[in-house]
Each structure stands twice: as structure tokens, then as C-alpha cells.
């Protein structure tokens, strides 16, 4: 239920989400790498990389865009918390690039990508 999702970046609640989504979290790499031997034996190599990308989907009119642009411009690391049924909290996160600045006849969608060193729900 999108109404129950809260996204907090650097202590500020993000508002003005787009109609087609609120937030998505994607790990940057697989957790394991399988290896299959000649006789079908399988072993796994564990990957310690827990990093990922948090993609926040906002309307181009969202008042949160100026705050996120400021974080990128000042190159400030922040805590990001996403809560609904589960909670994901990540420290030392950075906005990956300046959110697009668009001016259209109708409002459009802007995705802000935030790098997180760990996207494992705890």
C-alpha cells in the first residue's frame, strides 16, 4: 500500500511521489556466485557486497526535489530510511547525480538515485 510507505532522507520526509511508484531498492551485485563441477557438484562463493541503489520516483513538482538537489550539490552523505511492512535503514548514502530539471506542459516523473553502502533489511 503506497500510503503506508515512508521515505526519510537525512531526517526529512520525502513528499510528492509520482503516480507510477514511490521507491525501489536494487542490490548492485548478486549475493552468491554458483560454480558447478564436471559431475554436477555445486559450490557457492559468497559476495560481501551489500551495496545498492535506492530509486525514488517523484513528480517534477515535488517540493523534495530542491532538498535532494542541495544534497547532491553539497556532496553530503545522509541516512536513508524506508519503512512500511519492513524497515530498511542505510547510513552514508549519497545522491548519485543531480536530479533532472524539467519544465513541461504537464508534470512529469523524475527518478532520484541514491547510492547506499548496504541495502540489506535489518
Protein backbone atom coordinates (compact mmCIF):
# COMPACT_ATOMS: atom_id res chain seq x y z
CA UNK A 1 0.00 0.00 0.00
CA UNK A 2 1.81 3.18 -1.18
CA UNK A 3 0.08 5.27 1.50
CA UNK A 4 1.97 3.32 4.17
CA UNK A 5 5.43 3.84 2.64
CA UNK A 6 7.62 6.49 4.24
CA UNK A 7 10.95 7.58 2.77
CA UNK A 8 13.17 9.69 5.02
CA UNK A 9 16.41 11.14 3.64
CA UNK A 10 18.74 12.95 6.01
CA UNK A 11 15.95 13.31 8.59
CA UNK A 12 13.49 14.86 6.09
CA UNK A 13 10.35 13.03 4.97
CA UNK A 14 10.21 12.95 1.16
CA UNK A 15 6.90 14.01 -0.41
CA UNK A 16 5.44 14.41 -3.90
CA UNK A 17 5.78 10.86 -5.18
CA UNK A 18 4.82 10.11 -8.78
CA UNK A 19 1.73 8.09 -9.65
CA UNK A 20 3.77 5.21 -11.09
CA UNK A 21 5.77 4.39 -7.97
CA UNK A 22 7.27 5.51 -4.70
CA UNK A 23 10.62 3.81 -4.23
CA UNK A 24 12.57 0.78 -5.41
CA UNK A 25 15.69 -0.77 -3.91
CA UNK A 26 18.11 -2.76 -6.06
CA UNK A 27 21.27 -4.57 -4.96
CA UNK A 28 24.30 -3.80 -7.13
CA UNK A 29 25.57 -7.40 -7.25
CA UNK A 30 24.31 -10.94 -6.67
CA UNK A 31 24.72 -12.32 -3.14
CA UNK A 32 26.33 -15.55 -4.37
CA UNK A 33 28.14 -16.93 -7.39
CA UNK A 34 27.45 -20.63 -8.06
CA UNK A 35 30.08 -22.95 -9.54
CA UNK A 36 29.09 -26.32 -11.00
CA UNK A 37 31.68 -29.09 -11.31
CA UNK A 38 32.01 -31.66 -14.12
CA UNK A 39 29.83 -34.15 -12.20
CA UNK A 40 27.21 -31.59 -11.23
CA UNK A 41 28.56 -30.76 -7.77
CA UNK A 42 27.63 -27.22 -6.81
CA UNK A 43 29.52 -24.81 -4.59
CA UNK A 44 28.81 -21.17 -3.84
CA UNK A 45 31.09 -18.18 -3.43
CA UNK A 46 29.65 -15.60 -1.08
CA UNK A 47 29.73 -11.95 -2.10
CA UNK A 48 30.15 -9.48 0.78
CA UNK A 49 29.00 -6.51 -1.34
CA UNK A 50 25.70 -5.33 0.19
CA UNK A 51 25.60 -2.03 -1.73
CA UNK A 52 22.69 -0.95 -3.85
CA UNK A 53 20.67 1.83 -5.37
CA UNK A 54 17.57 3.42 -3.89
CA UNK A 55 15.45 4.92 -6.67
CA UNK A 56 12.89 7.49 -5.51
CA UNK A 57 10.22 8.36 -8.10
CA UNK A 58 8.89 11.92 -7.74
CA UNK A 59 6.62 14.28 -9.61
CA UNK A 60 8.50 17.14 -11.27
CA UNK A 61 6.56 19.48 -8.94
CA UNK A 62 7.70 17.74 -5.73
CA UNK A 63 8.95 20.14 -3.09
CA UNK A 64 11.50 17.47 -2.07
CA UNK A 65 13.47 17.88 -5.31
CA UNK A 66 15.17 21.09 -4.19
CA UNK A 67 16.35 19.36 -1.00
CA UNK A 68 17.71 16.36 -2.94
CA UNK A 69 19.44 18.69 -5.42
CA UNK A 70 21.04 20.51 -2.49
CA UNK A 71 22.32 17.21 -1.03
CA UNK A 72 23.95 16.36 -4.36
CA UNK A 73 25.42 19.84 -4.85
CA UNK A 74 26.94 19.83 -1.35
CA UNK A 75 28.04 16.20 -1.75
CA UNK A 76 26.56 15.40 1.63
CA UNK A 77 26.25 11.84 2.97
CA UNK A 78 22.93 11.09 4.68
CA UNK A 79 20.93 8.34 6.34
CA UNK A 80 18.03 6.92 4.28
CA UNK A 81 15.14 5.07 5.92
CA UNK A 82 12.32 3.36 4.06
CA UNK A 83 9.51 1.98 6.16
CA UNK A 84 6.24 0.16 5.52
CA UNK A 85 5.84 -3.55 6.37
CA UNK A 86 9.63 -3.80 6.80
CA UNK A 87 12.25 -1.15 7.52
CA UNK A 88 15.42 -0.53 5.58
CA UNK A 89 17.88 1.95 7.02
CA UNK A 90 21.18 2.81 5.36
CA UNK A 91 23.92 5.18 6.52
CA UNK A 92 26.49 7.11 4.49
CA UNK A 93 24.26 7.34 1.39
CA UNK A 94 24.83 9.82 -1.45
CA UNK A 95 22.65 11.21 -4.23
CA UNK A 96 24.34 9.80 -7.35
CA UNK A 97 23.67 12.70 -9.72
CA UNK A 98 21.73 15.94 -9.85
CA UNK A 99 18.02 15.22 -10.44
CA UNK A 100 16.81 16.41 -13.84
CA UNK A 101 15.36 19.90 -14.07
CA UNK A 102 12.36 19.79 -16.41
CA UNK A 103 9.69 22.26 -17.39
CA UNK A 104 6.83 20.71 -19.37
CA UNK A 105 3.23 21.46 -20.20
CA UNK A 106 2.20 18.79 -17.70
CA UNK A 107 4.01 17.42 -14.69
CA UNK A 108 6.49 14.65 -15.42
CA UNK A 109 8.28 11.97 -13.41
CA UNK A 110 11.81 12.36 -12.07
CA UNK A 111 13.79 9.49 -10.58
CA UNK A 112 16.43 10.32 -7.98
CA UNK A 113 19.04 7.57 -7.50
CA UNK A 114 20.78 7.29 -4.14
CA UNK A 115 23.80 5.04 -3.60
CA UNK A 116 23.62 3.02 -0.36
CA UNK A 117 26.57 1.03 1.03
CA UNK A 118 24.14 -1.58 2.39
CA UNK A 119 20.57 -2.32 1.27
CA UNK A 120 20.00 -5.39 3.42
CA UNK A 121 16.88 -5.02 5.61
CA UNK A 122 17.82 -5.50 9.24
